[in-house]
Amino acid sequence: MKKTEMTEIKKLDIKELQVRAKRLEKEIADLTLDKNMKKMKDTKMIHKKKKDLAQVLTVIKQKEQLSVFSNQLSDKSSSVVSQSDKQKTDARKTGGKK
């Protein structure tokens, strides 16, 4: 996979990446079948397709982990805000005394 193709892949969303992964898996299966039937001359193509598949799956995993991390971060930030609001409310009720 060329560097330009890799930058394009990183821009895609998870669903499009999963479609691309399925297509690559099908291509690998077809190439393997051709190799086993001795119709294939360039057997390195299977290796290249497997490498492309691994790269796509890596990007999918990165995007999934990034979304989980950003959700956790937003949950923590909202809980910190709610705690500081609670402290302000408590301080108002007690007249600034703790």
PDB file of N, CA and C in Angstrom:
ATOM      1  N   MET A   1       0.850  -1.167   0.000  1.00  0.00           N
ATOM      2  CA  MET A   1       0.000   0.000   0.000  1.00  0.00           C
ATOM      3  C   MET A   1       0.898   1.233   0.000  1.00  0.00           C
ATOM      4  N   LYS A   2       0.586   2.152  -0.867  1.00  0.00           N
ATOM      5  CA  LYS A   2       1.375   3.365  -0.977  1.00  0.00           C
ATOM      6  C   LYS A   2       1.032   4.325   0.142  1.00  0.00           C
ATOM      7  N   LYS A   3       1.918   5.278   0.355  1.00  0.00           N
ATOM      8  CA  LYS A   3       1.727   6.241   1.441  1.00  0.00           C
ATOM      9  C   LYS A   3       0.467   7.077   1.222  1.00  0.00           C
ATOM     10  N   THR A   4       0.176   7.422  -0.017  1.00  0.00           N
ATOM     11  CA  THR A   4      -1.028   8.207  -0.300  1.00  0.00           C
ATOM     12  C   THR A   4      -2.290   7.408  -0.005  1.00  0.00           C
ATOM     13  N   GLU A   5      -2.249   6.114  -0.301  1.00  0.00           N
ATOM     14  CA  GLU A   5      -3.401   5.261   0.000  1.00  0.00           C
ATOM     15  C   GLU A   5      -3.594   5.147   1.508  1.00  0.00           C
ATOM     16  N   MET A   6      -2.496   5.100   2.245  1.00  0.00           N
ATOM     17  CA  MET A   6      -2.587   4.984   3.699  1.00  0.00           C
ATOM     18  C   MET A   6      -3.198   6.250   4.300  1.00  0.00           C
ATOM     19  N   THR A   7      -2.859   7.413   3.782  1.00  0.00           N
ATOM     20  CA  THR A   7      -3.459   8.644   4.299  1.00  0.00           C
ATOM     21  C   THR A   7      -4.948   8.689   3.975  1.00  0.00           C
ATOM     22  N   GLU A   8      -5.330   8.159   2.811  1.00  0.00           N
ATOM     23  CA  GLU A   8      -6.750   8.083   2.463  1.00  0.00           C
ATOM     24  C   GLU A   8      -7.489   7.143   3.404  1.00  0.00           C
ATOM     25  N   ILE A   9      -6.865   6.028   3.733  1.00  0.00           N
ATOM     26  CA  ILE A   9      -7.485   5.050   4.625  1.00  0.00           C
ATOM     27  C   ILE A   9      -7.696   5.647   6.009  1.00  0.00           C
ATOM     28  N   LYS A  10      -6.741   6.409   6.486  1.00  0.00           N
ATOM     29  CA  LYS A  10      -6.862   7.009   7.814  1.00  0.00           C
ATOM     30  C   LYS A  10      -7.993   8.027   7.884  1.00  0.00           C
ATOM     31  N   LYS A  11      -8.393   8.571   6.746  1.00  0.00           N
ATOM     32  CA  LYS A  11      -9.479   9.554   6.717  1.00  0.00           C
ATOM     33  C   LYS A  11     -10.859   8.904   6.722  1.00  0.00           C
ATOM     34  N   LEU A  12     -10.933   7.625   6.366  1.00  0.00           N
ATOM     35  CA  LEU A  12     -12.220   6.936   6.277  1.00  0.00           C
ATOM     36  C   LEU A  12     -12.781   6.654   7.673  1.00  0.00           C
ATOM     37  N   ASP A  13     -14.105   6.486   7.747  1.00  0.00           N
ATOM     38  CA  ASP A  13     -14.702   6.120   9.023  1.00  0.00           C
ATOM     39  C   ASP A  13     -14.676   4.595   9.189  1.00  0.00           C
ATOM     40  N   ILE A  14     -15.065   4.136  10.344  1.00  0.00           N
ATOM     41  CA  ILE A  14     -14.926   2.728  10.702  1.00  0.00           C
ATOM     42  C   ILE A  14     -15.735   1.818   9.780  1.00  0.00           C
ATOM     43  N   LYS A  15     -16.947   2.222   9.426  1.00  0.00           N
ATOM     44  CA  LYS A  15     -17.787   1.369   8.574  1.00  0.00           C
ATOM     45  C   LYS A  15     -17.162   1.166   7.200  1.00  0.00           C
ATOM     46  N   GLU A  16     -16.615   2.230   6.623  1.00  0.00           N
ATOM     47  CA  GLU A  16     -15.973   2.123   5.317  1.00  0.00           C
ATOM     48  C   GLU A  16     -14.722   1.254   5.401  1.00  0.00           C
ATOM     49  N   LEU A  17     -14.007   1.371   6.518  1.00  0.00           N
ATOM     50  CA  LEU A  17     -12.819   0.547   6.710  1.00  0.00           C
ATOM     51  C   LEU A  17     -13.186  -0.926   6.838  1.00  0.00           C
ATOM     52  N   GLN A  18     -14.296  -1.209   7.506  1.00  0.00           N
ATOM     53  CA  GLN A  18     -14.726  -2.594   7.642  1.00  0.00           C
ATOM     54  C   GLN A  18     -15.119  -3.183   6.290  1.00  0.00           C
ATOM     55  N   VAL A  19     -15.739  -2.364   5.446  1.00  0.00           N
ATOM     56  CA  VAL A  19     -16.083  -2.820   4.090  1.00  0.00           C
ATOM     57  C   VAL A  19     -14.812  -3.124   3.306  1.00  0.00           C
ATOM     58  N   ARG A  20     -13.826  -2.259   3.438  1.00  0.00           N
ATOM     59  CA  ARG A  20     -12.561  -2.471   2.738  1.00  0.00           C
ATOM     60  C   ARG A  20     -11.862  -3.733   3.253  1.00  0.00           C
ATOM     61  N   ALA A  21     -11.943  -3.966   4.553  1.00  0.00           N
ATOM     62  CA  ALA A  21     -11.328  -5.170   5.135  1.00  0.00           C
ATOM     63  C   ALA A  21     -12.005  -6.433   4.597  1.00  0.00           C
ATOM     64  N   LYS A  22     -13.323  -6.414   4.512  1.00  0.00           N
ATOM     65  CA  LYS A  22     -14.049  -7.573   3.968  1.00  0.00           C
ATOM     66  C   LYS A  22     -13.646  -7.834   2.519  1.00  0.00           C
ATOM     67  N   ARG A  23     -13.505  -6.748   1.748  1.00  0.00           N
ATOM     68  CA  ARG A  23     -13.116  -6.895   0.342  1.00  0.00           C
ATOM     69  C   ARG A  23     -11.714  -7.494   0.235  1.00  0.00           C
ATOM     70  N   LEU A  24     -10.805  -7.044   1.082  1.00  0.00           N
ATOM     71  CA  LEU A  24      -9.445  -7.580   1.061  1.00  0.00           C
ATOM     72  C   LEU A  24      -9.427  -9.056   1.465  1.00  0.00           C
ATOM     73  N   GLU A  25     -10.249  -9.419   2.445  1.00  0.00           N
ATOM     74  CA  GLU A  25     -10.329 -10.827   2.844  1.00  0.00           C
ATOM     75  C   GLU A  25     -10.816 -11.696   1.683  1.00  0.00           C
ATOM     76  N   LYS A  26     -11.777 -11.187   0.933  1.00  0.00           N
ATOM     77  CA  LYS A  26     -12.292 -11.935  -0.227  1.00  0.00           C
ATOM     78  C   LYS A  26     -11.209 -12.059  -1.303  1.00  0.00           C
ATOM     79  N   GLU A  27     -10.474 -10.970  -1.525  1.00  0.00           N
ATOM     80  CA  GLU A  27      -9.396 -11.016  -2.519  1.00  0.00           C
ATOM     81  C   GLU A  27      -8.324 -12.024  -2.112  1.00  0.00           C
ATOM     82  N   ILE A  28      -7.993 -12.059  -0.828  1.00  0.00           N
ATOM     83  CA  ILE A  28      -6.991 -13.007  -0.341  1.00  0.00           C
ATOM     84  C   ILE A  28      -7.471 -14.441  -0.552  1.00  0.00           C
ATOM     85  N   ALA A  29      -8.748 -14.683  -0.256  1.00  0.00           N
ATOM     86  CA  ALA A  29      -9.302 -16.029  -0.457  1.00  0.00           C
ATOM     87  C   ALA A  29      -9.259 -16.417  -1.930  1.00  0.00           C
ATOM     88  N   ASP A  30      -9.608 -15.484  -2.805  1.00  0.00           N
ATOM     89  CA  ASP A  30      -9.581 -15.765  -4.244  1.00  0.00           C
ATOM     90  C   ASP A  30      -8.152 -16.029  -4.734  1.00  0.00           C
ATOM     91  N   LEU A  31      -7.213 -15.212  -4.250  1.00  0.00           N
ATOM     92  CA  LEU A  31      -5.822 -15.407  -4.659  1.00  0.00           C
ATOM     93  C   LEU A  31      -5.274 -16.741  -4.153  1.00  0.00           C
ATOM     94  N   THR A  32      -5.655 -17.114  -2.938  1.00  0.00           N
ATOM     95  CA  THR A  32      -5.209 -18.394  -2.387  1.00  0.00           C
ATOM     96  C   THR A  32      -5.768 -19.552  -3.206  1.00  0.00           C
ATOM     97  N   LEU A  33      -7.013 -19.427  -3.591  1.00  0.00           N
ATOM     98  CA  LEU A  33      -7.624 -20.461  -4.431  1.00  0.00           C
ATOM     99  C   LEU A  33      -6.898 -20.558  -5.775  1.00  0.00           C
ATOM    100  N   ASP A  34      -6.612 -19.407  -6.369  1.00  0.00           N
ATOM    101  CA  ASP A  34      -5.877 -19.411  -7.637  1.00  0.00           C
ATOM    102  C   ASP A  34      -4.493 -20.041  -7.478  1.00  0.00           C
ATOM    103  N   LYS A  35      -3.841 -19.751  -6.359  1.00  0.00           N
ATOM    104  CA  LYS A  35      -2.512 -20.324  -6.115  1.00  0.00           C
ATOM    105  C   LYS A  35      -2.597 -21.843  -5.993  1.00  0.00           C
ATOM    106  N   ASN A  36      -3.602 -22.298  -5.268  1.00  0.00           N
ATOM    107  CA  ASN A  36      -3.753 -23.741  -5.071  1.00  0.00           C
ATOM    108  C   ASN A  36      -4.117 -24.468  -6.366  1.00  0.00           C
ATOM    109  N   MET A  37      -4.782 -23.762  -7.266  1.00  0.00           N
ATOM    110  CA  MET A  37      -5.144 -24.361  -8.549  1.00  0.00           C
ATOM    111  C   MET A  37      -4.047 -24.134  -9.596  1.00  0.00           C
ATOM    112  N   LYS A  38      -2.938 -23.544  -9.142  1.00  0.00           N
ATOM    113  CA  LYS A  38      -1.757 -23.280  -9.989  1.00  0.00           C
ATOM    114  C   LYS A  38      -2.075 -22.370 -11.177  1.00  0.00           C
ATOM    115  N   LYS A  39      -2.999 -21.432 -10.956  1.00  0.00           N
ATOM    116  CA  LYS A  39      -3.316 -20.438 -11.983  1.00  0.00           C
ATOM    117  C   LYS A  39      -2.532 -19.146 -11.769  1.00  0.00           C
ATOM    118  N   MET A  40      -1.901 -19.031 -10.636  1.00  0.00           N
ATOM    119  CA  MET A  40      -1.277 -17.770 -10.250  1.00  0.00           C
ATOM    120  C   MET A  40       0.227 -17.808 -10.501  1.00  0.00           C
ATOM    121  N   LYS A  41       0.736 -16.731 -11.092  1.00  0.00           N
ATOM    122  CA  LYS A  41       2.162 -16.644 -11.339  1.00  0.00           C
ATOM    123  C   LYS A  41       2.852 -15.824 -10.244  1.00  0.00           C
ATOM    124  N   ASP A  42       2.221 -14.743  -9.812  1.00  0.00           N
ATOM    125  CA  ASP A  42       2.814 -13.859  -8.802  1.00  0.00           C
ATOM    126  C   ASP A  42       2.254 -14.210  -7.424  1.00  0.00           C
ATOM    127  N   THR A  43       2.943 -15.081  -6.708  1.00  0.00           N
ATOM    128  CA  THR A  43       2.455 -15.509  -5.390  1.00  0.00           C
ATOM    129  C   THR A  43       2.721 -14.471  -4.307  1.00  0.00           C
ATOM    130  N   LYS A  44       3.524 -13.464  -4.602  1.00  0.00           N
ATOM    131  CA  LYS A  44       3.780 -12.405  -3.624  1.00  0.00           C
ATOM    132  C   LYS A  44       2.556 -11.508  -3.437  1.00  0.00           C
ATOM    133  N   MET A  45       1.629 -11.580  -4.350  1.00  0.00           N
ATOM    134  CA  MET A  45       0.427 -10.757  -4.270  1.00  0.00           C
ATOM    135  C   MET A  45      -0.374 -11.089  -3.004  1.00  0.00           C
ATOM    136  N   ILE A  46      -0.385 -12.361  -2.623  1.00  0.00           N
ATOM    137  CA  ILE A  46      -1.104 -12.755  -1.408  1.00  0.00           C
ATOM    138  C   ILE A  46      -0.489 -12.057  -0.198  1.00  0.00           C
ATOM    139  N   HIS A  47       0.825 -12.054  -0.135  1.00  0.00           N
ATOM    140  CA  HIS A  47       1.529 -11.396   0.971  1.00  0.00           C
ATOM    141  C   HIS A  47       1.206  -9.903   1.007  1.00  0.00           C
ATOM    142  N   LYS A  48       1.182  -9.269  -0.145  1.00  0.00           N
ATOM    143  CA  LYS A  48       0.882  -7.834  -0.211  1.00  0.00           C
ATOM    144  C   LYS A  48      -0.531  -7.545   0.263  1.00  0.00           C
ATOM    145  N   LYS A  49      -1.479  -8.382  -0.149  1.00  0.00           N
ATOM    146  CA  LYS A  49      -2.880  -8.184   0.260  1.00  0.00           C
ATOM    147  C   LYS A  49      -3.051  -8.411   1.763  1.00  0.00           C
ATOM    148  N   LYS A  50      -2.340  -9.400   2.310  1.00  0.00           N
ATOM    149  CA  LYS A  50      -2.405  -9.641   3.753  1.00  0.00           C
ATOM    150  C   LYS A  50      -1.839  -8.463   4.530  1.00  0.00           C
ATOM    151  N   LYS A  51      -0.795  -7.883   4.003  1.00  0.00           N
ATOM    152  CA  LYS A  51      -0.196  -6.705   4.637  1.00  0.00           C
ATOM    153  C   LYS A  51      -1.169  -5.524   4.593  1.00  0.00           C
ATOM    154  N   ASP A  52      -1.821  -5.331   3.466  1.00  0.00           N
ATOM    155  CA  ASP A  52      -2.820  -4.270   3.338  1.00  0.00           C
ATOM    156  C   ASP A  52      -3.965  -4.484   4.325  1.00  0.00           C
ATOM    157  N   LEU A  53      -4.404  -5.731   4.442  1.00  0.00           N
ATOM    158  CA  LEU A  53      -5.477  -6.059   5.382  1.00  0.00           C
ATOM    159  C   LEU A  53      -5.056  -5.747   6.810  1.00  0.00           C
ATOM    160  N   ALA A  54      -3.831  -6.099   7.161  1.00  0.00           N
ATOM    161  CA  ALA A  54      -3.335  -5.833   8.511  1.00  0.00           C
ATOM    162  C   ALA A  54      -3.302  -4.331   8.792  1.00  0.00           C
ATOM    163  N   GLN A  55      -2.923  -3.546   7.806  1.00  0.00           N
ATOM    164  CA  GLN A  55      -2.885  -2.101   7.986  1.00  0.00           C
ATOM    165  C   GLN A  55      -4.285  -1.528   8.180  1.00  0.00           C
ATOM    166  N   VAL A  56      -5.240  -2.015   7.409  1.00  0.00           N
ATOM    167  CA  VAL A  56      -6.621  -1.546   7.541  1.00  0.00           C
ATOM    168  C   VAL A  56      -7.176  -1.928   8.909  1.00  0.00           C
ATOM    169  N   LEU A  57      -6.916  -3.165   9.330  1.00  0.00           N
ATOM    170  CA  LEU A  57      -7.405  -3.603  10.642  1.00  0.00           C
ATOM    171  C   LEU A  57      -6.755  -2.810  11.774  1.00  0.00           C
ATOM    172  N   THR A  58      -5.501  -2.422  11.599  1.00  0.00           N
ATOM    173  CA  THR A  58      -4.818  -1.603  12.596  1.00  0.00           C
ATOM    174  C   THR A  58      -5.470  -0.229  12.711  1.00  0.00           C
ATOM    175  N   VAL A  59      -5.803   0.366  11.592  1.00  0.00           N
ATOM    176  CA  VAL A  59      -6.455   1.676  11.604  1.00  0.00           C
ATOM    177  C   VAL A  59      -7.838   1.565  12.252  1.00  0.00           C
ATOM    178  N   ILE A  60      -8.567   0.492  11.964  1.00  0.00           N
ATOM    179  CA  ILE A  60      -9.878   0.278  12.584  1.00  0.00           C
ATOM    180  C   ILE A  60      -9.717   0.215  14.100  1.00  0.00           C
ATOM    181  N   LYS A  61      -8.761  -0.561  14.573  1.00  0.00           N
ATOM    182  CA  LYS A  61      -8.538  -0.717  16.010  1.00  0.00           C
ATOM    183  C   LYS A  61      -8.157   0.622  16.646  1.00  0.00           C
ATOM    184  N   GLN A  62      -7.307   1.390  15.976  1.00  0.00           N
ATOM    185  CA  GLN A  62      -6.907   2.692  16.495  1.00  0.00           C
ATOM    186  C   GLN A  62      -8.102   3.621  16.628  1.00  0.00           C
ATOM    187  N   LYS A  63      -8.952   3.640  15.612  1.00  0.00           N
ATOM    188  CA  LYS A  63     -10.125   4.511  15.647  1.00  0.00           C
ATOM    189  C   LYS A  63     -11.100   4.088  16.745  1.00  0.00           C
ATOM    190  N   GLU A  64     -11.271   2.769  16.929  1.00  0.00           N
ATOM    191  CA  GLU A  64     -12.160   2.290  17.985  1.00  0.00           C
ATOM    192  C   GLU A  64     -11.621   2.679  19.357  1.00  0.00           C
ATOM    193  N   GLN A  65     -10.328   2.504  19.564  1.00  0.00           N
ATOM    194  CA  GLN A  65      -9.737   2.858  20.848  1.00  0.00           C
ATOM    195  C   GLN A  65      -9.773   4.363  21.089  1.00  0.00           C
ATOM    196  N   LEU A  66      -9.603   5.127  20.044  1.00  0.00           N
ATOM    197  CA  LEU A  66      -9.658   6.574  20.177  1.00  0.00           C
ATOM    198  C   LEU A  66     -11.056   7.034  20.573  1.00  0.00           C
ATOM    199  N   SER A  67     -12.073   6.420  19.991  1.00  0.00           N
ATOM    200  CA  SER A  67     -13.439   6.801  20.348  1.00  0.00           C
ATOM    201  C   SER A  67     -13.750   6.402  21.793  1.00  0.00           C
ATOM    202  N   VAL A  68     -13.286   5.240  22.226  1.00  0.00           N
ATOM    203  CA  VAL A  68     -13.498   4.819  23.618  1.00  0.00           C
ATOM    204  C   VAL A  68     -12.784   5.774  24.562  1.00  0.00           C
ATOM    205  N   PHE A  69     -11.559   6.121  24.229  1.00  0.00           N
ATOM    206  CA  PHE A  69     -10.787   7.027  25.072  1.00  0.00           C
ATOM    207  C   PHE A  69     -11.426   8.406  25.150  1.00  0.00           C
ATOM    208  N   SER A  70     -11.895   8.918  24.022  1.00  0.00           N
ATOM    209  CA  SER A  70     -12.516  10.247  24.034  1.00  0.00           C
ATOM    210  C   SER A  70     -13.822  10.228  24.816  1.00  0.00           C
ATOM    211  N   ASN A  71     -14.573   9.115  24.756  1.00  0.00           N
ATOM    212  CA  ASN A  71     -15.794   8.993  25.556  1.00  0.00           C
ATOM    213  C   ASN A  71     -15.470   8.971  27.038  1.00  0.00           C
ATOM    214  N   GLN A  72     -14.432   8.239  27.426  1.00  0.00           N
ATOM    215  CA  GLN A  72     -14.038   8.198  28.827  1.00  0.00           C
ATOM    216  C   GLN A  72     -13.574   9.572  29.292  1.00  0.00           C
ATOM    217  N   LEU A  73     -12.848  10.256  28.452  1.00  0.00           N
ATOM    218  CA  LEU A  73     -12.343  11.583  28.799  1.00  0.00           C
ATOM    219  C   LEU A  73     -13.487  12.566  28.973  1.00  0.00           C
ATOM    220  N   SER A  74     -14.474  12.511  28.084  1.00  0.00           N
ATOM    221  CA  SER A  74     -15.611  13.423  28.208  1.00  0.00           C
ATOM    222  C   SER A  74     -16.442  13.085  29.442  1.00  0.00           C
ATOM    223  N   ASP A  75     -16.560  11.797  29.787  1.00  0.00           N
ATOM    224  CA  ASP A  75     -17.276  11.410  30.998  1.00  0.00           C
ATOM    225  C   ASP A  75     -16.579  11.924  32.246  1.00  0.00           C
ATOM    226  N   LYS A  76     -15.252  11.817  32.268  1.00  0.00           N
ATOM    227  CA  LYS A  76     -14.495  12.306  33.420  1.00  0.00           C
ATOM    228  C   LYS A  76     -14.594  13.812  33.543  1.00  0.00           C
ATOM    229  N   SER A  77     -14.510  14.526  32.427  1.00  0.00           N
ATOM    230  CA  SER A  77     -14.567  15.978  32.484  1.00  0.00           C
ATOM    231  C   SER A  77     -15.942  16.446  32.936  1.00  0.00           C
ATOM    232  N   SER A  78     -16.999  15.760  32.524  1.00  0.00           N
ATOM    233  CA  SER A  78     -18.339  16.147  32.961  1.00  0.00           C
ATOM    234  C   SER A  78     -18.528  15.838  34.441  1.00  0.00           C
ATOM    235  N   SER A  79     -17.925  14.760  34.941  1.00  0.00           N
ATOM    236  CA  SER A  79     -18.052  14.449  36.367  1.00  0.00           C
ATOM    237  C   SER A  79     -17.252  15.436  37.202  1.00  0.00           C
ATOM    238  N   VAL A  80     -16.117  15.911  36.709  1.00  0.00           N
ATOM    239  CA  VAL A  80     -15.325  16.905  37.426  1.00  0.00           C
ATOM    240  C   VAL A  80     -16.096  18.220  37.496  1.00  0.00           C
ATOM    241  N   VAL A  81     -16.745  18.593  36.411  1.00  0.00           N
ATOM    242  CA  VAL A  81     -17.544  19.814  36.384  1.00  0.00           C
ATOM    243  C   VAL A  81     -18.701  19.703  37.359  1.00  0.00           C
ATOM    244  N   SER A  82     -19.371  18.573  37.397  1.00  0.00           N
ATOM    245  CA  SER A  82     -20.507  18.417  38.298  1.00  0.00           C
ATOM    246  C   SER A  82     -20.044  18.427  39.748  1.00  0.00           C
ATOM    247  N   GLN A  83     -18.859  17.906  40.049  1.00  0.00           N
ATOM    248  CA  GLN A  83     -18.339  17.939  41.410  1.00  0.00           C
ATOM    249  C   GLN A  83     -18.009  19.358  41.829  1.00  0.00           C
ATOM    250  N   SER A  84     -17.426  20.140  40.930  1.00  0.00           N
ATOM    251  CA  SER A  84     -17.101  21.530  41.285  1.00  0.00           C
ATOM    252  C   SER A  84     -18.380  22.341  41.464  1.00  0.00           C
ATOM    253  N   ASP A  85     -19.414  22.061  40.663  1.00  0.00           N
ATOM    254  CA  ASP A  85     -20.702  22.733  40.846  1.00  0.00           C
ATOM    255  C   ASP A  85     -21.300  22.373  42.194  1.00  0.00           C
ATOM    256  N   LYS A  86     -21.165  21.129  42.595  1.00  0.00           N
ATOM    257  CA  LYS A  86     -21.694  20.674  43.880  1.00  0.00           C
ATOM    258  C   LYS A  86     -20.973  21.373  45.028  1.00  0.00           C
ATOM    259  N   GLN A  87     -19.665  21.534  44.894  1.00  0.00           N
ATOM    260  CA  GLN A  87     -18.896  22.217  45.933  1.00  0.00           C
ATOM    261  C   GLN A  87     -19.310  23.671  46.042  1.00  0.00           C
ATOM    262  N   LYS A  88     -19.555  24.324  44.906  1.00  0.00           N
ATOM    263  CA  LYS A  88     -19.995  25.718  44.930  1.00  0.00           C
ATOM    264  C   LYS A  88     -21.360  25.838  45.595  1.00  0.00           C
ATOM    265  N   THR A  89     -22.251  24.905  45.276  1.00  0.00           N
ATOM    266  CA  THR A  89     -23.592  24.914  45.866  1.00  0.00           C
ATOM    267  C   THR A  89     -23.509  24.683  47.366  1.00  0.00           C
ATOM    268  N   ASP A  90     -22.679  23.753  47.797  1.00  0.00           N
ATOM    269  CA  ASP A  90     -22.503  23.484  49.219  1.00  0.00           C
ATOM    270  C   ASP A  90     -21.932  24.702  49.936  1.00  0.00           C
ATOM    271  N   ALA A  91     -20.997  25.382  49.291  1.00  0.00           N
ATOM    272  CA  ALA A  91     -20.389  26.567  49.899  1.00  0.00           C
ATOM    273  C   ALA A  91     -21.414  27.684  50.045  1.00  0.00           C
ATOM    274  N   ARG A  92     -22.310  27.828  49.094  1.00  0.00           N
ATOM    275  CA  ARG A  92     -23.346  28.853  49.181  1.00  0.00           C
ATOM    276  C   ARG A  92     -24.315  28.547  50.319  1.00  0.00           C
ATOM    277  N   LYS A  93     -24.660  27.269  50.489  1.00  0.00           N
ATOM    278  CA  LYS A  93     -25.619  26.880  51.512  1.00  0.00           C
ATOM    279  C   LYS A  93     -25.041  27.115  52.911  1.00  0.00           C
ATOM    280  N   THR A  94     -23.751  26.875  53.056  1.00  0.00           N
ATOM    281  CA  THR A  94     -23.135  27.015  54.378  1.00  0.00           C
ATOM    282  C   THR A  94     -22.571  28.415  54.604  1.00  0.00           C
ATOM    283  N   GLY A  95     -22.710  29.269  53.640  1.00  0.00           N
ATOM    284  CA  GLY A  95     -22.223  30.632  53.779  1.00  0.00           C
ATOM    285  C   GLY A  95     -20.711  30.715  53.603  1.00  0.00           C
ATOM    286  N   GLY A  96     -20.155  29.835  52.807  1.00  0.00           N
ATOM    287  CA  GLY A  96     -18.722  29.872  52.523  1.00  0.00           C
ATOM    288  C   GLY A  96     -17.923  29.048  53.504  1.00  0.00           C
ATOM    289  N   LYS A  97     -18.561  28.515  54.556  1.00  0.00           N
ATOM    290  CA  LYS A  97     -17.860  27.677  55.539  1.00  0.00           C
ATOM    291  C   LYS A  97     -17.888  26.232  55.112  1.00  0.00           C
ATOM    292  N   LYS A  98     -16.849  25.526  55.414  1.00  0.00           N
ATOM    293  CA  LYS A  98     -16.783  24.108  55.075  1.00  0.00           C
ATOM    294  C   LYS A  98     -17.151  23.247  56.234  1.00  0.00           C
TER     295      LYS A  98
END
